[in-house]
Each structure stands twice: as structure tokens, then as C-alpha cells.
């Protein structure tokens, strides 16, 4: 992943970056803050939860994608360094993600953002975390989240869907890799069925009232079917949802720097940023 991301020159202009730490149960959590260059205070913002199977990935590997979302949307991004697996087991990372989201909502003025105008965004397992933070916020009575963008998300620990069978050997992401990621994140089959691990398992009543959602999937991706299944469940629960499958693309297409200029990738990014601008007015 690192070699692929560094194999091409990409545009990192147009942003201001900083860092902040907050306390979570006696542990410092680092937040990467990305804002449009020269932006004023009280910006709308979105949480960005990164992919990498809960094991891999970090701000440097996701910086170009986050930069594109920030520059095109005009919103600030808050990117938490949640504790990866296997050092932290489920549900540690998701509790950290929720805590940071709540902090931004309540104390966003400390970092120059308007906590009342807040969305959650994530790619792959980060899409799982964005969905779960939405569920947690509903269950706990806040914070108020205006929009969720789930980019090729993990929504279930089921490795026998049609897309898993068709693309078990890839492209880019394989069935065996996903099994390994889940084994590092949560081994207990009963825990895997919990909605905070597998949001697809949430009951219809638990999905009702969730924020409007954009769910993007790729045709040639083992995660395609579970992402689309979650979008259908949201729709059936009365949630406003837009589900878009990008044909000819692979897992993590929006993240991979070597294909960042492909027209379909640019269109997908613009779709996300257009929704962010509309929802965070």
C-alpha cells in the first residue's frame, strides 16, 4: 500500500494541516485536522475514519483522498488515529471513533469547526466505523450527524456473498485478506454478529432515523454485495439513501493514488463532496 501510494506524484496543495490530541480513558488520541487553505473559523466538518482492515492504514496513506474531499467540499476533515488491531480488539476502536465524534460536536470550536454541522465519512473498514458511529449516536442520543458517506464499506462478517465468491482472489482485496482482518479485529462469532461490528445485522427499528447516506461500491470488489445490502436495509427503514455502484472499478479505488486521475474516480469523489456541501450548509 505504501509503495503504491508513493509511486506517483499527487497534489497536496490547497490545505492547511495541524494536529491535536484529546484524552480517551487516560490515553491520548491524535487527531489530524485538514482545512481548506486560509479558511476562517466555524467550518462545517466531517469525521474521516480510515480503511486498512482495522490493522493497516494511517493519515499519510489517506492524505490525498482526504485532501481532495476537503478542497472540493470546503469542509474541514477530522482524521483520528484510532488504535489498530491486534493491539486493540473490538470494540475499542469504534468507542474511540464515537468519542472523538462526540468531542468534535461539543468542543469543535477549539479547533475552528462548527460541531453542529457534522458528517461522518469512511472507506472500507472506515465505512464500517462511520456507519457504526451513526448507530451509536442514535442509541446514545447524540451527537447529531447530518450525513454519512460510506465508501465501499464493510458491513458484515459474511465471506460467502456472490461478490466474495466472484472476486475471492482479488482485485486488490481478497477473501483471505478480509478473513485475516476480521480475525485480528474480533474473533468471537457472537461479537461479530453485533450491530456495532456488523451494522448490516441491525434491526430495522435500529436503522430508522439514521442520517441520510451515500453508499458507494465497486463492481469488482468482494465487499460490493454487503455494501449494497446495507443501503437496501437503510432504504427499507425509511432512511434517505443514495447507493451507487461504479462498474469497472476495484476496492479502494478512491484511495489509490495511481488511479486518482481516472475519470470515474474523479466523478465518485465529486459525488461525495457535492453531498457534503449540500448536507453541511
Protein backbone atom coordinates (compact mmCIF):
# COMPACT_ATOMS: atom_id res chain seq x y z
CA UNK A 1 0.00 0.00 0.00
CA UNK A 2 2.71 2.49 0.99
CA UNK A 3 4.74 1.77 -2.14
CA UNK A 4 1.65 2.15 -4.33
CA UNK A 5 0.67 5.43 -2.70
CA UNK A 6 4.18 6.83 -3.08
CA UNK A 7 4.68 5.61 -6.66
CA UNK A 8 3.11 8.70 -8.24
CA UNK A 9 3.18 12.44 -7.62
CA UNK A 10 -0.12 13.78 -6.30
CA UNK A 11 -1.47 17.22 -5.47
CA UNK A 12 -1.42 18.09 -1.77
CA UNK A 13 -1.98 21.81 -2.31
CA UNK A 14 -4.87 23.91 -1.09
CA UNK A 15 -4.99 22.70 2.51
CA UNK A 16 -3.75 23.64 5.96
CA UNK A 17 -2.84 20.76 8.27
CA UNK A 18 -2.46 20.59 12.03
CA UNK A 19 -2.71 18.07 14.86
CA UNK A 20 -4.49 17.92 18.17
CA UNK A 21 -4.69 15.32 20.93
CA UNK A 22 -7.63 14.55 23.18
CA UNK A 23 -7.92 12.25 26.15
CA UNK A 24 -9.77 8.94 25.86
CA UNK A 25 -9.86 6.83 29.01
CA UNK A 26 -6.42 8.05 30.05
CA UNK A 27 -4.92 7.60 26.59
CA UNK A 28 -4.02 10.39 24.18
CA UNK A 29 -5.71 10.14 20.80
CA UNK A 30 -4.17 12.11 17.96
CA UNK A 31 -6.43 13.96 15.54
CA UNK A 32 -5.22 15.19 12.15
CA UNK A 33 -7.05 18.36 11.13
CA UNK A 34 -7.27 19.26 7.45
CA UNK A 35 -8.89 22.53 6.35
CA UNK A 36 -9.13 24.44 3.09
CA UNK A 37 -6.13 26.78 2.91
CA UNK A 38 -6.83 30.12 4.54
CA UNK A 39 -10.29 29.10 5.73
CA UNK A 40 -11.93 31.06 8.51
CA UNK A 41 -13.33 29.71 11.78
CA UNK A 42 -16.52 27.73 12.36
CA UNK A 43 -16.18 25.49 9.33
CA UNK A 44 -18.55 22.61 8.69
CA UNK A 45 -16.67 19.38 9.20
CA UNK A 46 -16.64 15.66 8.62
CA UNK A 47 -15.03 12.85 10.54
CA UNK A 48 -12.88 10.64 8.33
CA UNK A 49 -12.31 7.08 9.53
CA UNK A 50 -9.60 5.36 7.56
CA UNK A 51 -9.53 1.94 6.00
CA UNK A 52 -6.88 -0.76 6.17
CA UNK A 53 -8.72 -3.67 7.73
CA UNK A 54 -8.53 -2.15 11.25
CA UNK A 55 -4.86 -3.22 11.10
CA UNK A 56 -3.19 -1.09 8.42
CA UNK A 57 -3.55 2.42 7.06
CA UNK A 58 -2.90 5.85 8.54
CA UNK A 59 -3.05 9.54 7.70
CA UNK A 60 -0.16 9.52 5.18
CA UNK A 61 -1.73 6.72 3.13
CA UNK A 62 -5.10 8.53 3.09
CA UNK A 63 -3.90 12.12 2.87
CA UNK A 64 -4.55 12.63 -0.85
CA UNK A 65 -8.13 11.33 -0.60
CA UNK A 66 -8.82 13.48 2.46
CA UNK A 67 -7.26 16.48 0.74
CA UNK A 68 -9.49 16.03 -2.30
CA UNK A 69 -12.61 15.80 -0.13
CA UNK A 70 -11.64 18.93 1.82
CA UNK A 71 -10.71 21.08 -1.17
CA UNK A 72 -13.79 20.15 -3.18
CA UNK A 73 -16.29 20.36 -0.30
CA UNK A 74 -14.95 23.38 1.55
CA UNK A 75 -15.39 21.48 4.83
CA UNK A 76 -12.74 20.55 7.38
CA UNK A 77 -11.75 16.93 7.98
CA UNK A 78 -11.03 15.45 11.39
CA UNK A 79 -8.99 12.25 10.99
CA UNK A 80 -8.50 10.28 14.23
CA UNK A 81 -5.63 7.85 14.73
CA UNK A 82 -7.72 5.11 16.30
CA UNK A 83 -5.78 2.25 17.90
CA UNK A 84 -5.31 -0.53 15.32
CA UNK A 85 -5.77 -4.25 15.75
CA UNK A 86 -4.48 -6.59 17.02
CA UNK A 87 -3.16 -4.15 19.68
CA UNK A 88 -6.76 -3.13 20.31
CA UNK A 89 -9.63 -5.55 19.97
CA UNK A 90 -13.25 -4.73 19.14
CA UNK A 91 -14.92 -2.57 20.35
CA UNK A 92 -12.00 -0.31 21.37
CA UNK A 93 -11.50 1.42 18.01
CA UNK A 94 -15.19 2.10 17.50
CA UNK A 95 -15.54 3.52 21.02
CA UNK A 96 -12.62 5.82 20.22
CA UNK A 97 -14.27 6.84 16.96
CA UNK A 98 -17.52 7.68 18.72
CA UNK A 99 -15.74 9.59 21.50
CA UNK A 100 -13.85 11.74 19.01
CA UNK A 101 -17.03 12.45 17.05
CA UNK A 102 -18.79 13.50 20.25
CA UNK A 103 -15.85 15.73 21.19
CA UNK A 104 -15.91 17.47 17.80
CA UNK A 105 -19.65 18.00 18.14
CA UNK A 106 -19.34 19.51 21.62
CA UNK A 107 -15.93 21.21 21.51
CA UNK A 108 -15.30 21.77 17.81
CA UNK A 109 -14.84 25.48 18.44
CA UNK A 110 -11.46 24.58 19.95
CA UNK A 111 -10.28 23.51 16.50
CA UNK A 112 -12.24 26.07 14.48
CA UNK A 113 -15.15 23.92 13.33
CA UNK A 114 -18.89 24.13 13.86
CA UNK A 115 -19.88 20.96 15.70
CA UNK A 116 -23.50 21.47 14.66
CA UNK A 117 -22.57 20.87 11.01
CA UNK A 118 -21.02 17.42 11.17
CA UNK A 119 -20.87 14.38 8.87
CA UNK A 120 -19.13 11.01 9.06
CA UNK A 121 -17.12 9.57 6.17
CA UNK A 122 -15.05 6.41 5.92
CA UNK A 123 -13.56 4.00 3.40
CA UNK A 124 -13.67 0.20 3.67
CA UNK A 125 -13.50 -0.63 7.40
CA UNK A 126 -13.63 3.12 7.93
CA UNK A 127 -17.01 2.97 6.23
CA UNK A 128 -17.96 0.34 8.78
CA UNK A 129 -16.88 2.70 11.56
CA UNK A 130 -18.76 5.65 10.07
CA UNK A 131 -21.93 3.55 9.89
CA UNK A 132 -21.46 2.31 13.45
CA UNK A 133 -20.81 5.81 14.82
CA UNK A 134 -24.14 6.77 13.27
CA UNK A 135 -25.83 3.86 15.05
CA UNK A 136 -24.14 4.72 18.35
CA UNK A 137 -25.13 8.38 18.08
CA UNK A 138 -28.75 7.35 17.58
CA UNK A 139 -28.64 4.94 20.52
CA UNK A 140 -26.94 7.41 22.85
CA UNK A 141 -28.99 10.46 21.90
CA UNK A 142 -26.20 12.26 20.08
CA UNK A 143 -24.21 13.79 18.67
CA UNK A 144 -26.34 15.00 15.78
CA UNK A 145 -24.86 13.78 12.49
CA UNK A 146 -26.18 15.33 9.32
CA UNK A 147 -24.86 12.88 6.73
CA UNK A 148 -22.93 9.64 6.34
CA UNK A 149 -20.77 8.74 3.33
CA UNK A 150 -19.88 5.05 3.32
CA UNK A 151 -17.22 4.38 0.71
CA UNK A 152 -17.01 0.70 -0.33
CA UNK A 153 -17.84 -0.22 3.28
CA UNK A 154 -17.50 -3.39 5.33
CA UNK A 155 -20.94 -4.06 6.83
CA UNK A 156 -20.90 -7.77 7.76
CA UNK A 157 -18.57 -10.66 8.61
CA UNK A 158 -20.02 -12.90 5.90
CA UNK A 159 -17.48 -14.23 3.41
CA UNK A 160 -19.95 -16.18 1.25
CA UNK A 161 -21.75 -13.47 -0.72
CA UNK A 162 -21.76 -13.62 -4.51
CA UNK A 163 -19.17 -10.84 -4.73
CA UNK A 164 -16.92 -12.72 -2.30
CA UNK A 165 -17.21 -15.80 -4.49
CA UNK A 166 -16.64 -13.93 -7.74
CA UNK A 167 -13.67 -11.86 -6.56
CA UNK A 168 -12.23 -14.11 -3.84
CA UNK A 169 -8.74 -13.76 -5.33
CA UNK A 170 -8.99 -10.02 -5.89
CA UNK A 171 -8.64 -7.47 -7.45
CA UNK A 172 -6.53 -5.75 -4.76
CA UNK A 173 -8.59 -7.08 -1.83
CA UNK A 174 -9.08 -10.84 -1.41
CA UNK A 175 -11.36 -13.05 0.64
CA UNK A 176 -8.43 -14.41 2.65
CA UNK A 177 -7.27 -10.88 3.45
CA UNK A 178 -10.70 -9.98 4.81
CA UNK A 179 -10.81 -13.13 6.92
CA UNK A 180 -7.40 -12.19 8.34
CA UNK A 181 -8.54 -8.62 9.07
CA UNK A 182 -11.65 -9.83 10.89
CA UNK A 183 -9.60 -12.37 12.86
CA UNK A 184 -7.39 -9.55 14.09
CA UNK A 185 -10.32 -7.26 14.91
CA UNK A 186 -12.80 -9.63 16.57
CA UNK A 187 -12.53 -13.41 16.75
CA UNK A 188 -15.71 -14.21 18.69
CA UNK A 189 -18.50 -15.20 16.23
CA UNK A 190 -21.15 -13.87 18.61
CA UNK A 191 -19.48 -10.47 18.78
CA UNK A 192 -19.17 -10.38 15.00
CA UNK A 193 -22.95 -10.52 14.80
CA UNK A 194 -23.37 -7.43 16.99
CA UNK A 195 -24.57 -4.36 15.14
CA UNK A 196 -21.56 -2.34 16.25
CA UNK A 197 -19.33 -4.85 14.45
CA UNK A 198 -21.66 -5.74 11.57
CA UNK A 199 -24.14 -2.89 11.01
CA UNK A 200 -25.94 -4.99 8.40
CA UNK A 201 -27.20 -7.08 11.36
CA UNK A 202 -29.01 -4.12 12.95
CA UNK A 203 -32.78 -4.48 13.23
CA UNK A 204 -35.00 -2.27 11.08
CA UNK A 205 -36.08 -0.24 14.11
CA UNK A 206 -32.42 0.39 14.95
CA UNK A 207 -31.82 1.79 11.46
CA UNK A 208 -34.82 4.11 11.46
CA UNK A 209 -33.91 7.75 11.90
CA UNK A 210 -30.28 7.40 10.86
CA UNK A 211 -28.69 10.27 8.89
CA UNK A 212 -29.07 10.43 5.11
CA UNK A 213 -26.49 8.19 3.47
CA UNK A 214 -24.40 7.83 0.34
CA UNK A 215 -23.11 4.29 -0.19
CA UNK A 216 -20.55 3.80 -2.95
CA UNK A 217 -19.50 0.33 -4.11
CA UNK A 218 -17.23 -1.06 -6.81
CA UNK A 219 -18.30 -3.85 -9.16
CA UNK A 220 -15.04 -5.80 -8.82
CA UNK A 221 -14.83 -5.84 -5.03
CA UNK A 222 -15.52 -8.60 -2.52
CA UNK A 223 -17.33 -6.01 -0.36
CA UNK A 224 -19.75 -4.96 -3.09
CA UNK A 225 -22.75 -7.04 -2.05
CA UNK A 226 -22.65 -6.24 1.67
CA UNK A 227 -22.38 -2.52 0.98
CA UNK A 228 -25.36 -2.64 -1.34
CA UNK A 229 -27.28 -4.82 1.11
CA UNK A 230 -26.76 -2.21 3.83
CA UNK A 231 -28.03 0.51 1.50
CA UNK A 232 -31.17 -1.55 0.86
CA UNK A 233 -31.68 -2.07 4.60
CA UNK A 234 -31.39 1.68 5.18
CA UNK A 235 -33.89 2.37 2.42
CA UNK A 236 -36.33 -0.19 3.82
CA UNK A 237 -36.03 1.51 7.22
CA UNK A 238 -37.04 4.84 5.71
CA UNK A 239 -33.56 6.40 5.66
CA UNK A 240 -32.78 8.67 2.73
CA UNK A 241 -30.04 6.81 0.88
CA UNK A 242 -28.24 7.00 -2.44
CA UNK A 243 -26.48 3.78 -3.48
CA UNK A 244 -24.11 3.90 -6.44
CA UNK A 245 -22.13 1.03 -7.94
CA UNK A 246 -19.11 2.03 -10.02
CA UNK A 247 -18.59 -0.54 -12.76
CA UNK A 248 -15.06 -1.40 -13.82
CA UNK A 249 -13.54 -0.27 -10.52
CA UNK A 250 -11.89 -2.21 -7.71
CA UNK A 251 -11.78 -1.99 -3.94
CA UNK A 252 -10.35 1.26 -2.57
CA UNK A 253 -10.46 2.91 -5.97
CA UNK A 254 -10.91 6.37 -4.46
CA UNK A 255 -7.94 5.88 -2.16
CA UNK A 256 -5.34 4.55 -4.59
CA UNK A 257 -3.13 7.40 -5.78
CA UNK A 258 -2.04 5.68 -9.04
CA UNK A 259 -5.63 5.79 -10.35
CA UNK A 260 -6.72 9.04 -8.71
CA UNK A 261 -7.00 10.85 -12.05
CA UNK A 262 -9.24 8.24 -13.71
CA UNK A 263 -12.49 10.00 -14.73
CA UNK A 264 -14.70 7.51 -12.87
CA UNK A 265 -12.70 8.07 -9.69
CA UNK A 266 -12.95 11.83 -10.03
CA UNK A 267 -16.71 11.53 -10.56
CA UNK A 268 -17.04 9.43 -7.40
CA UNK A 269 -15.10 11.96 -5.33
CA UNK A 270 -17.20 14.81 -6.70
CA UNK A 271 -20.35 12.91 -5.79
CA UNK A 272 -19.20 12.72 -2.16
CA UNK A 273 -18.14 16.36 -1.98
CA UNK A 274 -21.34 17.59 -3.62
CA UNK A 275 -23.35 15.78 -0.95
CA UNK A 276 -21.14 17.17 1.82
CA UNK A 277 -21.65 20.72 0.57
CA UNK A 278 -25.41 20.22 0.36
CA UNK A 279 -25.81 18.49 3.73
CA UNK A 280 -23.50 20.74 5.75
CA UNK A 281 -24.89 24.12 4.73
